[in-house]
Amino acid sequence: GEGDTYVSPTYGYALTYDATWGLAESSADNPNPGTIDTLTLGDVQLEKVDAVSLVNESSLVSFYGGESTATPQECVEGDIAFFQSSDTYTFFSIAKGNDDKELQGDLKNGGYYAVVWVTNNNTNLDTTVYIECRPIVDGESLLLIEQYAADADYNDQIPAREALLEGLDTSGNGGTTTNGGDETPEADETPTE
């Protein structure tokens, strides 16, 4: 297989993925790709959600784009609250890096991320979950990205996720980048003292 491109029907973001990824299993309750009326993450709600989930040999990555006025940080904190209150998962903590600092913070793309440690109560699997929220349309919609991998596999799966996210285009042009002409590139802005 050559991989494929998923384009969000509502928000126009496009995800191009290679043959190491495939669509996760679809069900009548959870068509993949599909739509969800409302995704509730703690105090945050994403409305009119376009959802798609991909799997490789040892991780699952889900993308949920929806209308929301929450900030990316509020979205991530809402998802953490979801794991803390879920019957499916036992929440352990926000993951820590080798420097013993919690893995969470702002991203260059305007988003926010956190990594959490949970146990899936259905499979008894200790799981590391990467959570990221980034704006699609500023102040109007967000994209929630989750990567699930067994603790033992997670570090090996970081490059796979990073490569996958490099294939994500949130310009809203369905994967075709055009020069809008309205925005001034940052390099052209005159710095002021």
N, C-alpha and C. Protein backbone atom coordinates (compact mmCIF):
# COMPACT_ATOMS: atom_id res chain seq x y z
N GLY A 1 0.82 -1.20 0.00
CA GLY A 1 0.00 0.00 0.00
C GLY A 1 0.85 1.25 0.00
N GLU A 2 0.31 2.30 -0.54
CA GLU A 2 1.04 3.56 -0.65
C GLU A 2 0.69 4.54 0.47
N GLY A 3 -0.20 4.12 1.40
CA GLY A 3 -0.72 5.11 2.32
C GLY A 3 -1.84 5.86 1.65
N ASP A 4 -2.25 6.98 2.23
CA ASP A 4 -3.43 7.67 1.72
C ASP A 4 -3.45 9.08 2.30
N THR A 5 -4.47 9.83 1.92
CA THR A 5 -4.69 11.15 2.51
C THR A 5 -6.12 11.21 3.02
N TYR A 6 -6.26 11.65 4.27
CA TYR A 6 -7.59 11.91 4.84
C TYR A 6 -7.79 13.42 4.84
N VAL A 7 -8.93 13.87 4.35
CA VAL A 7 -9.27 15.29 4.41
C VAL A 7 -10.53 15.45 5.25
N SER A 8 -10.45 16.32 6.25
CA SER A 8 -11.60 16.59 7.11
C SER A 8 -12.69 17.26 6.28
N PRO A 9 -13.90 16.65 6.22
CA PRO A 9 -14.95 17.25 5.39
C PRO A 9 -15.42 18.61 5.90
N THR A 10 -15.36 18.82 7.22
CA THR A 10 -15.88 20.06 7.80
C THR A 10 -14.83 21.15 7.87
N TYR A 11 -13.60 20.79 8.27
CA TYR A 11 -12.58 21.80 8.61
C TYR A 11 -11.46 21.87 7.58
N GLY A 12 -11.39 20.90 6.67
CA GLY A 12 -10.45 20.99 5.56
C GLY A 12 -9.01 20.66 5.87
N TYR A 13 -8.70 20.26 7.12
CA TYR A 13 -7.32 19.86 7.37
C TYR A 13 -7.08 18.51 6.69
N ALA A 14 -5.85 18.29 6.28
CA ALA A 14 -5.53 17.08 5.52
C ALA A 14 -4.38 16.35 6.20
N LEU A 15 -4.49 15.04 6.25
CA LEU A 15 -3.47 14.19 6.85
C LEU A 15 -3.02 13.18 5.80
N THR A 16 -1.78 13.31 5.38
CA THR A 16 -1.22 12.36 4.42
C THR A 16 -0.33 11.40 5.19
N TYR A 17 -0.58 10.10 5.01
CA TYR A 17 0.17 9.10 5.77
C TYR A 17 0.71 8.02 4.84
N ASP A 18 1.83 7.43 5.26
CA ASP A 18 2.47 6.42 4.42
C ASP A 18 1.95 5.03 4.75
N ALA A 19 2.52 4.05 4.07
CA ALA A 19 2.00 2.68 4.15
C ALA A 19 2.25 2.01 5.50
N THR A 20 3.04 2.64 6.39
CA THR A 20 3.22 2.05 7.71
C THR A 20 1.97 2.26 8.57
N TRP A 21 1.06 3.14 8.13
CA TRP A 21 -0.17 3.43 8.85
C TRP A 21 -1.38 2.94 8.07
N GLY A 22 -2.40 2.51 8.81
CA GLY A 22 -3.67 2.15 8.19
C GLY A 22 -4.80 2.64 9.06
N LEU A 23 -6.01 2.69 8.50
CA LEU A 23 -7.16 3.10 9.29
C LEU A 23 -7.43 2.06 10.38
N ALA A 24 -7.70 2.54 11.59
CA ALA A 24 -8.08 1.63 12.67
C ALA A 24 -9.42 1.01 12.32
N GLU A 25 -9.73 -0.10 12.98
CA GLU A 25 -10.96 -0.81 12.69
C GLU A 25 -12.16 0.09 12.91
N SER A 26 -13.11 -0.02 12.01
CA SER A 26 -14.32 0.79 12.05
C SER A 26 -15.44 -0.06 12.62
N SER A 27 -16.41 0.59 13.26
CA SER A 27 -17.58 -0.15 13.74
C SER A 27 -18.82 0.70 13.47
N ALA A 28 -19.98 0.10 13.62
CA ALA A 28 -21.23 0.83 13.38
C ALA A 28 -21.34 2.03 14.33
N ASP A 29 -20.89 1.83 15.58
CA ASP A 29 -20.97 2.92 16.56
C ASP A 29 -19.89 3.97 16.31
N ASN A 30 -18.80 3.54 15.71
CA ASN A 30 -17.64 4.41 15.61
C ASN A 30 -17.04 4.28 14.20
N PRO A 31 -17.73 4.83 13.19
CA PRO A 31 -17.18 4.72 11.85
C PRO A 31 -15.85 5.46 11.75
N ASN A 32 -14.92 4.89 11.02
CA ASN A 32 -13.59 5.50 10.91
C ASN A 32 -13.20 5.55 9.44
N PRO A 33 -13.04 6.75 8.87
CA PRO A 33 -13.29 8.05 9.51
C PRO A 33 -14.78 8.29 9.66
N GLY A 34 -15.11 9.23 10.56
CA GLY A 34 -16.52 9.50 10.81
C GLY A 34 -16.70 10.83 11.51
N THR A 35 -17.90 11.03 12.03
CA THR A 35 -18.21 12.28 12.72
C THR A 35 -18.81 11.98 14.08
N ILE A 36 -18.57 12.88 15.03
CA ILE A 36 -19.12 12.78 16.38
C ILE A 36 -19.79 14.11 16.67
N ASP A 37 -21.04 14.07 17.15
CA ASP A 37 -21.76 15.33 17.41
C ASP A 37 -21.01 16.17 18.44
N THR A 38 -20.70 15.55 19.59
CA THR A 38 -20.04 16.28 20.67
C THR A 38 -19.03 15.37 21.34
N LEU A 39 -17.82 15.85 21.50
CA LEU A 39 -16.79 15.14 22.24
C LEU A 39 -16.55 15.93 23.52
N THR A 40 -16.81 15.31 24.67
CA THR A 40 -16.69 16.00 25.94
C THR A 40 -15.38 15.63 26.61
N LEU A 41 -14.58 16.64 26.90
CA LEU A 41 -13.26 16.47 27.52
C LEU A 41 -13.26 17.30 28.79
N GLY A 42 -13.62 16.71 29.91
CA GLY A 42 -13.71 17.49 31.13
C GLY A 42 -14.70 18.61 30.94
N ASP A 43 -14.25 19.87 31.14
CA ASP A 43 -15.13 21.03 30.99
C ASP A 43 -15.18 21.54 29.55
N VAL A 44 -14.41 20.92 28.67
CA VAL A 44 -14.29 21.39 27.29
C VAL A 44 -15.12 20.50 26.38
N GLN A 45 -15.79 21.10 25.42
CA GLN A 45 -16.52 20.32 24.43
C GLN A 45 -16.05 20.68 23.03
N LEU A 46 -15.85 19.66 22.22
CA LEU A 46 -15.65 19.86 20.79
C LEU A 46 -16.96 19.48 20.10
N GLU A 47 -17.46 20.36 19.26
CA GLU A 47 -18.74 20.13 18.57
C GLU A 47 -18.48 19.84 17.10
N LYS A 48 -19.42 19.09 16.48
CA LYS A 48 -19.33 18.79 15.04
C LYS A 48 -17.94 18.28 14.70
N VAL A 49 -17.58 17.16 15.32
CA VAL A 49 -16.22 16.64 15.26
C VAL A 49 -16.02 15.73 14.04
N ASP A 50 -14.96 15.98 13.30
CA ASP A 50 -14.48 15.04 12.28
C ASP A 50 -13.40 14.20 12.94
N ALA A 51 -13.55 12.87 12.88
CA ALA A 51 -12.63 11.98 13.59
C ALA A 51 -12.03 10.96 12.63
N VAL A 52 -10.74 10.69 12.84
CA VAL A 52 -10.09 9.61 12.10
C VAL A 52 -9.02 9.02 13.02
N SER A 53 -8.87 7.70 12.99
CA SER A 53 -7.86 7.02 13.80
C SER A 53 -7.02 6.11 12.91
N LEU A 54 -5.71 6.18 13.12
CA LEU A 54 -4.77 5.36 12.36
C LEU A 54 -3.99 4.47 13.30
N VAL A 55 -3.59 3.29 12.80
CA VAL A 55 -2.76 2.38 13.58
C VAL A 55 -1.52 1.99 12.78
N ASN A 56 -0.43 1.77 13.50
CA ASN A 56 0.74 1.12 12.91
C ASN A 56 1.00 -0.13 13.74
N GLU A 57 2.23 -0.65 13.73
CA GLU A 57 2.44 -1.94 14.40
C GLU A 57 2.24 -1.86 15.90
N SER A 58 2.45 -0.70 16.51
CA SER A 58 2.31 -0.69 17.97
C SER A 58 1.75 0.60 18.56
N SER A 59 1.15 1.45 17.73
CA SER A 59 0.46 2.60 18.34
C SER A 59 -0.77 2.98 17.54
N LEU A 60 -1.63 3.71 18.22
CA LEU A 60 -2.88 4.22 17.65
C LEU A 60 -2.81 5.74 17.76
N VAL A 61 -3.11 6.44 16.67
CA VAL A 61 -3.17 7.89 16.71
C VAL A 61 -4.54 8.33 16.22
N SER A 62 -5.23 9.11 17.07
CA SER A 62 -6.56 9.60 16.73
C SER A 62 -6.53 11.11 16.56
N PHE A 63 -7.31 11.59 15.60
CA PHE A 63 -7.42 13.02 15.30
C PHE A 63 -8.89 13.40 15.42
N TYR A 64 -9.17 14.43 16.22
CA TYR A 64 -10.54 14.91 16.40
C TYR A 64 -10.55 16.42 16.15
N GLY A 65 -11.14 16.85 15.05
CA GLY A 65 -11.26 18.28 14.78
C GLY A 65 -12.67 18.73 15.06
N GLY A 66 -12.82 19.81 15.84
CA GLY A 66 -14.17 20.26 16.16
C GLY A 66 -14.23 21.71 16.55
N GLU A 67 -15.44 22.24 16.53
CA GLU A 67 -15.65 23.63 16.95
C GLU A 67 -15.43 23.73 18.45
N SER A 68 -14.66 24.74 18.86
CA SER A 68 -14.43 24.97 20.28
C SER A 68 -13.82 26.35 20.45
N THR A 69 -14.21 27.01 21.54
CA THR A 69 -13.61 28.30 21.87
C THR A 69 -12.53 28.14 22.95
N ALA A 70 -12.28 26.89 23.36
CA ALA A 70 -11.26 26.65 24.38
C ALA A 70 -9.87 26.94 23.80
N THR A 71 -8.93 27.23 24.68
CA THR A 71 -7.54 27.36 24.25
C THR A 71 -6.96 25.95 24.09
N PRO A 72 -5.86 25.81 23.34
CA PRO A 72 -5.23 24.48 23.26
C PRO A 72 -4.88 23.91 24.63
N GLN A 73 -4.41 24.76 25.55
CA GLN A 73 -4.08 24.25 26.89
C GLN A 73 -5.33 23.76 27.60
N GLU A 74 -6.44 24.49 27.51
CA GLU A 74 -7.68 24.05 28.14
C GLU A 74 -8.17 22.73 27.55
N CYS A 75 -7.96 22.57 26.25
CA CYS A 75 -8.35 21.35 25.56
C CYS A 75 -7.53 20.16 26.09
N VAL A 76 -6.22 20.33 26.22
CA VAL A 76 -5.37 19.26 26.74
C VAL A 76 -5.74 18.95 28.19
N GLU A 77 -5.94 20.01 29.00
CA GLU A 77 -6.32 19.79 30.40
C GLU A 77 -7.67 19.09 30.49
N GLY A 78 -8.57 19.40 29.55
CA GLY A 78 -9.87 18.72 29.52
C GLY A 78 -9.70 17.25 29.20
N ASP A 79 -8.80 16.93 28.27
CA ASP A 79 -8.58 15.53 27.93
C ASP A 79 -7.95 14.79 29.10
N ILE A 80 -7.04 15.44 29.82
CA ILE A 80 -6.47 14.82 31.02
C ILE A 80 -7.59 14.54 32.03
N ALA A 81 -8.51 15.49 32.19
CA ALA A 81 -9.65 15.29 33.11
C ALA A 81 -10.51 14.11 32.66
N PHE A 82 -10.64 13.95 31.33
CA PHE A 82 -11.38 12.79 30.80
C PHE A 82 -10.72 11.49 31.27
N PHE A 83 -9.39 11.40 31.14
CA PHE A 83 -8.71 10.17 31.57
C PHE A 83 -8.82 9.98 33.07
N GLN A 84 -8.82 11.08 33.82
CA GLN A 84 -8.90 10.98 35.29
C GLN A 84 -10.26 10.47 35.74
N SER A 85 -11.31 10.73 34.95
CA SER A 85 -12.66 10.34 35.38
C SER A 85 -13.22 9.15 34.61
N SER A 86 -12.43 8.61 33.68
CA SER A 86 -12.92 7.54 32.81
C SER A 86 -12.96 6.21 33.54
N ASP A 87 -13.98 5.40 33.24
CA ASP A 87 -14.04 4.04 33.78
C ASP A 87 -13.08 3.13 33.03
N THR A 88 -12.76 3.48 31.80
CA THR A 88 -11.91 2.62 30.96
C THR A 88 -10.45 2.72 31.37
N TYR A 89 -10.06 3.86 31.91
CA TYR A 89 -8.65 4.09 32.22
C TYR A 89 -8.46 4.41 33.69
N THR A 90 -7.34 3.95 34.24
CA THR A 90 -6.89 4.41 35.54
C THR A 90 -5.75 5.40 35.27
N PHE A 91 -5.94 6.63 35.73
CA PHE A 91 -4.95 7.68 35.48
C PHE A 91 -3.84 7.56 36.52
N PHE A 92 -2.60 7.57 36.05
CA PHE A 92 -1.47 7.48 36.98
C PHE A 92 -0.89 8.86 37.22
N SER A 93 -0.37 9.49 36.16
CA SER A 93 0.19 10.84 36.32
C SER A 93 0.55 11.41 34.96
N ILE A 94 0.89 12.69 34.98
CA ILE A 94 1.53 13.26 33.80
C ILE A 94 2.94 12.66 33.74
N ALA A 95 3.34 12.22 32.56
CA ALA A 95 4.63 11.54 32.39
C ALA A 95 5.76 12.51 32.66
N LYS A 96 6.87 11.96 33.09
CA LYS A 96 8.07 12.77 33.34
C LYS A 96 9.18 12.34 32.41
N GLY A 97 9.97 13.30 31.98
CA GLY A 97 11.12 13.02 31.12
C GLY A 97 12.31 12.58 31.95
N ASN A 98 13.43 12.36 31.26
CA ASN A 98 14.65 11.94 31.94
C ASN A 98 15.13 12.97 32.95
N ASP A 99 14.76 14.24 32.74
CA ASP A 99 15.15 15.30 33.68
C ASP A 99 14.17 15.43 34.84
N ASP A 100 13.21 14.49 34.93
CA ASP A 100 12.21 14.45 36.01
C ASP A 100 11.22 15.60 35.93
N LYS A 101 11.18 16.31 34.80
CA LYS A 101 10.18 17.37 34.61
C LYS A 101 8.97 16.79 33.91
N GLU A 102 7.79 17.32 34.26
CA GLU A 102 6.56 16.85 33.60
C GLU A 102 6.58 17.19 32.12
N LEU A 103 6.13 16.24 31.31
CA LEU A 103 6.10 16.42 29.86
C LEU A 103 4.80 17.13 29.48
N GLN A 104 4.85 18.44 29.46
CA GLN A 104 3.70 19.23 29.01
C GLN A 104 4.18 20.65 28.73
N GLY A 105 3.46 21.34 27.85
CA GLY A 105 3.85 22.72 27.58
C GLY A 105 3.41 23.19 26.21
N ASP A 106 3.83 24.41 25.89
CA ASP A 106 3.45 25.04 24.63
C ASP A 106 4.28 24.48 23.48
N LEU A 107 3.67 24.48 22.30
CA LEU A 107 4.34 24.03 21.08
C LEU A 107 4.51 25.21 20.13
N LYS A 108 5.50 25.10 19.24
CA LYS A 108 5.76 26.18 18.29
C LYS A 108 4.59 26.41 17.34
N ASN A 109 3.76 25.37 17.12
CA ASN A 109 2.65 25.51 16.19
C ASN A 109 1.43 26.22 16.80
N GLY A 110 1.60 26.78 18.02
CA GLY A 110 0.48 27.44 18.68
C GLY A 110 -0.34 26.49 19.53
N GLY A 111 0.05 25.23 19.51
CA GLY A 111 -0.67 24.22 20.27
C GLY A 111 -0.08 24.02 21.66
N TYR A 112 -0.61 23.01 22.33
CA TYR A 112 -0.18 22.65 23.68
C TYR A 112 -0.18 21.13 23.75
N TYR A 113 0.72 20.56 24.55
CA TYR A 113 0.77 19.11 24.63
C TYR A 113 0.99 18.66 26.06
N ALA A 114 0.65 17.41 26.32
CA ALA A 114 1.01 16.74 27.56
C ALA A 114 1.14 15.25 27.24
N VAL A 115 1.93 14.57 28.05
CA VAL A 115 2.04 13.11 27.95
C VAL A 115 1.59 12.55 29.29
N VAL A 116 0.71 11.56 29.26
CA VAL A 116 0.18 11.00 30.51
C VAL A 116 0.39 9.49 30.54
N TRP A 117 0.48 8.98 31.76
CA TRP A 117 0.56 7.55 31.99
C TRP A 117 -0.77 7.06 32.53
N VAL A 118 -1.35 6.06 31.88
CA VAL A 118 -2.62 5.48 32.29
C VAL A 118 -2.53 3.97 32.18
N THR A 119 -3.49 3.28 32.79
CA THR A 119 -3.66 1.85 32.56
C THR A 119 -5.02 1.64 31.93
N ASN A 120 -5.06 0.90 30.83
CA ASN A 120 -6.32 0.54 30.20
C ASN A 120 -6.92 -0.61 31.01
N ASN A 121 -8.07 -0.35 31.65
CA ASN A 121 -8.65 -1.35 32.55
C ASN A 121 -9.22 -2.55 31.80
N ASN A 122 -9.53 -2.37 30.50
CA ASN A 122 -10.08 -3.48 29.72
C ASN A 122 -8.98 -4.47 29.34
N THR A 123 -7.78 -3.97 29.09
CA THR A 123 -6.70 -4.83 28.63
C THR A 123 -5.60 -4.98 29.67
N ASN A 124 -5.70 -4.20 30.76
CA ASN A 124 -4.70 -4.19 31.82
C ASN A 124 -3.33 -3.75 31.30
N LEU A 125 -3.33 -2.95 30.22
CA LEU A 125 -2.09 -2.53 29.59
C LEU A 125 -1.69 -1.14 30.09
N ASP A 126 -0.46 -1.04 30.60
CA ASP A 126 0.08 0.27 30.98
C ASP A 126 0.40 1.03 29.70
N THR A 127 -0.21 2.19 29.58
CA THR A 127 -0.23 2.91 28.31
C THR A 127 0.27 4.33 28.51
N THR A 128 1.08 4.80 27.55
CA THR A 128 1.49 6.19 27.52
C THR A 128 0.67 6.87 26.43
N VAL A 129 0.08 8.02 26.77
CA VAL A 129 -0.76 8.75 25.82
C VAL A 129 -0.18 10.14 25.60
N TYR A 130 0.14 10.44 24.34
CA TYR A 130 0.54 11.79 23.94
C TYR A 130 -0.72 12.53 23.55
N ILE A 131 -0.92 13.71 24.14
CA ILE A 131 -2.11 14.52 23.87
C ILE A 131 -1.64 15.86 23.33
N GLU A 132 -2.20 16.28 22.22
CA GLU A 132 -1.90 17.60 21.68
C GLU A 132 -3.18 18.24 21.19
N CYS A 133 -3.34 19.52 21.47
CA CYS A 133 -4.41 20.30 20.85
C CYS A 133 -3.77 21.48 20.14
N ARG A 134 -4.19 21.71 18.91
CA ARG A 134 -3.67 22.86 18.16
C ARG A 134 -4.84 23.55 17.48
N PRO A 135 -4.73 24.87 17.29
CA PRO A 135 -5.83 25.57 16.63
C PRO A 135 -5.91 25.19 15.15
N ILE A 136 -7.14 25.04 14.65
CA ILE A 136 -7.33 24.89 13.20
C ILE A 136 -7.71 26.27 12.66
N VAL A 137 -8.80 26.80 13.20
CA VAL A 137 -9.17 28.19 12.92
C VAL A 137 -9.11 28.89 14.27
N ASP A 138 -8.26 29.90 14.40
CA ASP A 138 -8.03 30.51 15.70
C ASP A 138 -9.33 30.94 16.37
N GLY A 139 -9.52 30.48 17.61
CA GLY A 139 -10.66 30.89 18.40
C GLY A 139 -11.97 30.25 17.99
N GLU A 140 -11.94 29.38 16.97
CA GLU A 140 -13.19 28.78 16.51
C GLU A 140 -13.16 27.26 16.52
N SER A 141 -12.02 26.68 16.22
CA SER A 141 -11.96 25.22 16.19
C SER A 141 -10.56 24.73 16.57
N LEU A 142 -10.54 23.51 17.06
CA LEU A 142 -9.31 22.89 17.55
C LEU A 142 -9.17 21.49 16.97
N LEU A 143 -7.93 21.05 16.88
CA LEU A 143 -7.64 19.67 16.51
C LEU A 143 -7.00 18.99 17.71
N LEU A 144 -7.66 17.95 18.21
CA LEU A 144 -7.12 17.13 19.30
C LEU A 144 -6.45 15.91 18.68
N ILE A 145 -5.20 15.68 19.07
CA ILE A 145 -4.44 14.53 18.58
C ILE A 145 -4.05 13.70 19.80
N GLU A 146 -4.32 12.39 19.73
CA GLU A 146 -3.92 11.49 20.80
C GLU A 146 -3.12 10.34 20.20
N GLN A 147 -2.00 10.01 20.83
CA GLN A 147 -1.26 8.80 20.45
C GLN A 147 -1.23 7.88 21.66
N TYR A 148 -1.68 6.64 21.44
CA TYR A 148 -1.67 5.62 22.49
C TYR A 148 -0.62 4.57 22.13
N ALA A 149 0.25 4.26 23.08
CA ALA A 149 1.21 3.17 22.89
C ALA A 149 1.49 2.54 24.26
N ALA A 150 1.77 1.24 24.25
CA ALA A 150 2.19 0.59 25.50
C ALA A 150 3.45 1.30 26.00
N ASP A 151 3.57 1.40 27.33
CA ASP A 151 4.72 2.09 27.92
C ASP A 151 6.03 1.62 27.28
N ALA A 152 6.14 0.30 27.09
CA ALA A 152 7.40 -0.27 26.58
C ALA A 152 7.69 0.16 25.14
N ASP A 153 6.63 0.50 24.38
CA ASP A 153 6.78 0.85 22.97
C ASP A 153 6.82 2.35 22.71
N TYR A 154 6.42 3.14 23.71
CA TYR A 154 6.15 4.56 23.44
C TYR A 154 7.35 5.30 22.86
N ASN A 155 8.52 5.17 23.50
CA ASN A 155 9.68 5.94 23.03
C ASN A 155 10.03 5.60 21.59
N ASP A 156 9.86 4.32 21.22
CA ASP A 156 10.14 3.91 19.85
C ASP A 156 9.13 4.47 18.87
N GLN A 157 7.95 4.87 19.38
CA GLN A 157 6.87 5.34 18.52
C GLN A 157 6.85 6.86 18.37
N ILE A 158 7.71 7.57 19.11
CA ILE A 158 7.74 9.04 18.99
C ILE A 158 8.13 9.46 17.57
N PRO A 159 9.19 8.89 16.96
CA PRO A 159 9.53 9.31 15.59
C PRO A 159 8.40 9.01 14.59
N ALA A 160 7.69 7.90 14.79
CA ALA A 160 6.59 7.56 13.89
C ALA A 160 5.48 8.62 13.98
N ARG A 161 5.20 9.07 15.21
CA ARG A 161 4.19 10.12 15.38
C ARG A 161 4.67 11.42 14.75
N GLU A 162 5.93 11.76 15.02
CA GLU A 162 6.44 13.03 14.48
C GLU A 162 6.39 13.03 12.96
N ALA A 163 6.74 11.90 12.34
CA ALA A 163 6.68 11.80 10.88
C ALA A 163 5.24 11.91 10.40
N LEU A 164 4.32 11.28 11.13
CA LEU A 164 2.90 11.35 10.76
C LEU A 164 2.40 12.80 10.83
N LEU A 165 2.78 13.51 11.91
CA LEU A 165 2.29 14.88 12.08
C LEU A 165 2.91 15.83 11.06
N GLU A 166 4.08 15.46 10.52
CA GLU A 166 4.64 16.28 9.44
C GLU A 166 3.77 16.22 8.20
N GLY A 167 2.95 15.16 8.08
CA GLY A 167 2.04 15.03 6.95
C GLY A 167 0.70 15.68 7.19
N LEU A 168 0.58 16.49 8.24
CA LEU A 168 -0.68 17.14 8.59
C LEU A 168 -0.65 18.58 8.10
N ASP A 169 -1.66 18.96 7.31
CA ASP A 169 -1.77 20.31 6.79
C ASP A 169 -3.06 20.93 7.35
N THR A 170 -2.90 21.90 8.25
CA THR A 170 -4.08 22.52 8.86
C THR A 170 -4.42 23.87 8.22
N SER A 171 -3.90 24.11 7.01
CA SER A 171 -4.21 25.38 6.34
C SER A 171 -5.66 25.44 5.88
N GLY A 172 -6.32 24.28 5.88
CA GLY A 172 -7.73 24.26 5.48
C GLY A 172 -7.94 24.20 3.99
N ASN A 173 -6.87 23.94 3.23
CA ASN A 173 -6.99 23.88 1.78
C ASN A 173 -7.05 22.44 1.27
N GLY A 174 -7.33 21.51 2.18
CA GLY A 174 -7.44 20.12 1.77
C GLY A 174 -6.13 19.57 1.24
N GLY A 175 -5.03 20.08 1.76
CA GLY A 175 -3.74 19.54 1.39
C GLY A 175 -3.07 20.30 0.25
N THR A 176 -3.77 21.24 -0.34
CA THR A 176 -3.14 22.05 -1.40
C THR A 176 -2.84 23.41 -0.82
N THR A 177 -1.58 23.73 -0.72
CA THR A 177 -1.18 24.98 -0.11
C THR A 177 -1.15 26.08 -1.17
N THR A 178 -1.86 27.16 -0.89
CA THR A 178 -1.85 28.29 -1.81
C THR A 178 -1.41 29.52 -1.04
N ASN A 179 -0.89 30.49 -1.74
CA ASN A 179 -0.48 31.73 -1.09
C ASN A 179 -1.68 32.66 -1.04
N GLY A 180 -2.15 32.93 0.17
CA GLY A 180 -3.34 33.75 0.33
C GLY A 180 -3.11 35.20 -0.02
N GLY A 181 -1.91 35.71 0.25
CA GLY A 181 -1.63 37.09 -0.07
C GLY A 181 -2.04 38.06 1.02
N ASP A 182 -2.88 37.59 1.97
CA ASP A 182 -3.33 38.49 3.03
C ASP A 182 -2.30 38.58 4.15
N GLU A 183 -1.65 37.47 4.42
CA GLU A 183 -0.77 37.42 5.59
C GLU A 183 0.64 37.84 5.21
N THR A 184 1.25 38.60 6.09
CA THR A 184 2.65 38.98 5.90
C THR A 184 3.52 37.91 6.54
N PRO A 185 4.43 37.30 5.80
CA PRO A 185 5.33 36.34 6.45
C PRO A 185 6.12 37.00 7.57
N GLU A 186 6.35 36.26 8.62
CA GLU A 186 7.02 36.84 9.79
C GLU A 186 8.37 37.42 9.43
N ALA A 187 9.07 36.81 8.48
CA ALA A 187 10.42 37.25 8.13
C ALA A 187 10.41 38.69 7.59
N ASP A 188 9.26 39.11 7.05
CA ASP A 188 9.19 40.42 6.46
C ASP A 188 8.80 41.51 7.47
N GLU A 189 8.40 41.08 8.67
CA GLU A 189 7.96 42.07 9.64
C GLU A 189 9.17 42.83 10.18
N THR A 190 8.99 44.13 10.36
CA THR A 190 10.09 44.95 10.84
C THR A 190 10.11 44.89 12.36
N PRO A 191 11.21 44.44 12.94
CA PRO A 191 11.26 44.39 14.41
C PRO A 191 11.29 45.82 14.98
N THR A 192 10.61 46.00 16.08
CA THR A 192 10.63 47.31 16.75
C THR A 192 11.32 47.15 18.08
N GLU A 193 12.04 48.14 18.47
CA GLU A 193 12.76 48.08 19.74
C GLU A 193 11.79 48.16 20.90
